[in-house]
Protein backbone atom coordinates (compact mmCIF):
# COMPACT_ATOMS: atom_id res chain seq x y z
CA UNK A 1 -20.31 4.71 -26.55
CA UNK A 2 -17.12 2.68 -26.52
CA UNK A 3 -13.93 4.62 -27.06
CA UNK A 4 -10.25 4.18 -26.30
CA UNK A 5 -7.60 6.88 -26.27
CA UNK A 6 -4.18 5.34 -26.67
CA UNK A 7 -0.72 5.80 -28.13
CA UNK A 8 0.16 3.44 -30.99
CA UNK A 9 3.88 3.68 -30.20
CA UNK A 10 3.27 2.53 -26.60
CA UNK A 11 3.87 -1.21 -26.19
CA UNK A 12 1.76 -1.27 -23.01
CA UNK A 13 -1.22 0.31 -24.78
CA UNK A 14 -0.87 -2.15 -27.66
CA UNK A 15 -0.64 -5.14 -25.30
CA UNK A 16 -3.78 -4.02 -23.45
CA UNK A 17 -5.72 -3.41 -26.68
CA UNK A 18 -4.78 -6.90 -27.89
CA UNK A 19 -6.02 -8.43 -24.62
CA UNK A 20 -9.55 -7.01 -24.92
CA UNK A 21 -12.37 -7.10 -27.43
CA UNK A 22 -12.23 -3.84 -29.38
CA UNK A 23 -15.12 -4.76 -31.69
CA UNK A 24 -17.35 -1.73 -32.09
CA UNK A 25 -14.91 0.44 -30.15
CA UNK A 26 -13.68 3.72 -31.55
CA UNK A 27 -9.89 3.91 -31.22
CA UNK A 28 -8.11 7.26 -31.17
CA UNK A 29 -4.33 7.37 -31.39
CA UNK A 30 -3.68 10.62 -29.50
CA UNK A 31 -0.41 11.27 -31.30
CA UNK A 32 -1.93 11.07 -34.78
CA UNK A 33 -5.28 12.60 -33.80
CA UNK A 34 -4.81 14.95 -30.83
CA UNK A 35 -7.59 15.19 -28.27
CA UNK A 36 -9.86 18.18 -28.42
CA UNK A 37 -10.64 20.36 -25.46
CA UNK A 38 -14.20 18.98 -25.48
CA UNK A 39 -12.95 15.37 -25.38
CA UNK A 40 -10.65 16.15 -22.46
CA UNK A 41 -13.48 17.96 -20.67
CA UNK A 42 -15.67 14.87 -21.05
CA UNK A 43 -12.90 12.66 -19.65
CA UNK A 44 -12.35 15.00 -16.70
CA UNK A 45 -16.07 15.07 -15.94
CA UNK A 46 -16.18 11.27 -15.87
CA UNK A 47 -12.90 10.92 -13.93
CA UNK A 48 -13.72 13.68 -11.45
CA UNK A 49 -10.69 15.86 -12.24
CA UNK A 50 -7.97 16.62 -14.74
CA UNK A 51 -5.43 15.48 -12.18
CA UNK A 52 -6.89 11.94 -12.35
CA UNK A 53 -5.97 11.92 -16.05
CA UNK A 54 -2.47 13.32 -15.60
CA UNK A 55 0.62 11.14 -15.89
CA UNK A 56 3.47 11.96 -13.56
CA UNK A 57 5.55 9.27 -15.29
CA UNK A 58 5.94 11.35 -18.43
CA UNK A 59 9.53 12.29 -19.19
CA UNK A 60 8.45 15.87 -19.80
CA UNK A 61 7.13 16.01 -16.22
CA UNK A 62 10.69 15.71 -14.93
CA UNK A 63 12.26 17.72 -17.77
CA UNK A 64 9.98 20.68 -17.11
CA UNK A 65 10.59 20.56 -13.35
CA UNK A 66 6.89 20.09 -12.64
CA UNK A 67 7.58 17.89 -9.63
CA UNK A 68 8.66 20.94 -7.66
CA UNK A 69 5.58 22.97 -8.63
CA UNK A 70 2.08 22.96 -7.18
CA UNK A 71 -0.21 22.37 -10.13
CA UNK A 72 -3.85 23.43 -10.37
CA UNK A 73 -6.66 21.75 -12.29
CA UNK A 74 -6.19 24.41 -14.97
CA UNK A 75 -2.48 23.51 -15.17
CA UNK A 76 -3.28 19.81 -15.59
CA UNK A 77 -5.81 20.58 -18.34
CA UNK A 78 -3.41 22.87 -20.16
CA UNK A 79 -0.47 20.45 -19.95
CA UNK A 80 -2.51 17.49 -21.23
CA UNK A 81 -3.77 19.55 -24.16
CA UNK A 82 -0.26 20.83 -24.91
CA UNK A 83 1.31 17.38 -25.16
CA UNK A 84 -0.23 13.90 -25.38
CA UNK A 85 2.48 12.43 -23.16
CA UNK A 86 0.81 13.96 -20.10
CA UNK A 87 -2.33 11.83 -20.52
CA UNK A 88 -2.30 8.73 -18.33
CA UNK A 89 -3.10 6.01 -20.83
CA UNK A 90 -4.84 4.17 -22.16
CA UNK A 91 -8.18 5.77 -21.38
CA UNK A 92 -11.35 3.78 -22.02
CA UNK A 93 -14.81 5.30 -22.00
CA UNK A 94 -17.42 2.55 -21.92
CA UNK A 95 -20.90 4.02 -21.88
CA UNK A 96 -20.79 6.45 -18.91
CA UNK A 97 -17.78 4.97 -17.13
CA UNK A 98 -14.13 5.90 -17.56
CA UNK A 99 -11.13 3.65 -16.99
CA UNK A 100 -7.77 5.40 -16.81
CA UNK A 101 -4.30 3.90 -16.91
CA UNK A 102 -2.69 0.52 -17.29
CA UNK A 103 -2.84 -0.99 -13.82
CA UNK A 104 -3.83 -4.64 -13.64
CA UNK A 105 -7.01 -3.71 -11.77
CA UNK A 106 -8.11 -1.19 -14.43
CA UNK A 107 -7.41 -3.63 -17.28
CA UNK A 108 -9.40 -6.37 -15.51
CA UNK A 109 -12.33 -3.96 -15.03
CA UNK A 110 -12.29 -3.08 -18.74
CA UNK A 111 -12.13 -6.75 -19.74
CA UNK A 112 -15.03 -7.57 -17.41
CA UNK A 113 -17.13 -4.68 -18.75
CA UNK A 114 -16.58 -5.80 -22.34
CA UNK A 115 -17.69 -9.42 -21.78
């Protein structure tokens, strides 16, 4: 399975998608087609936790005062399902491996895997 969860209005996501071979990859724009609980569960299982998928850069993170709170795995899951902005993106699932975020290292790993 090759799948990417991304946000079409995110210039970083678009730049990364243009830099890799997306042939045969299922692309899911999480704003237009929200993630299901089952999809998020699969991501968390591969990543090791919901926290690993959670973006602390989201504007809502600051707006909601979440920085001052101690969040549980259940909180991370609930927040990501409530609003797509809390998902660290893009997320690539290539076979049984997950790649989360837009760091240079992650993008290089995805590119290498797709060669």
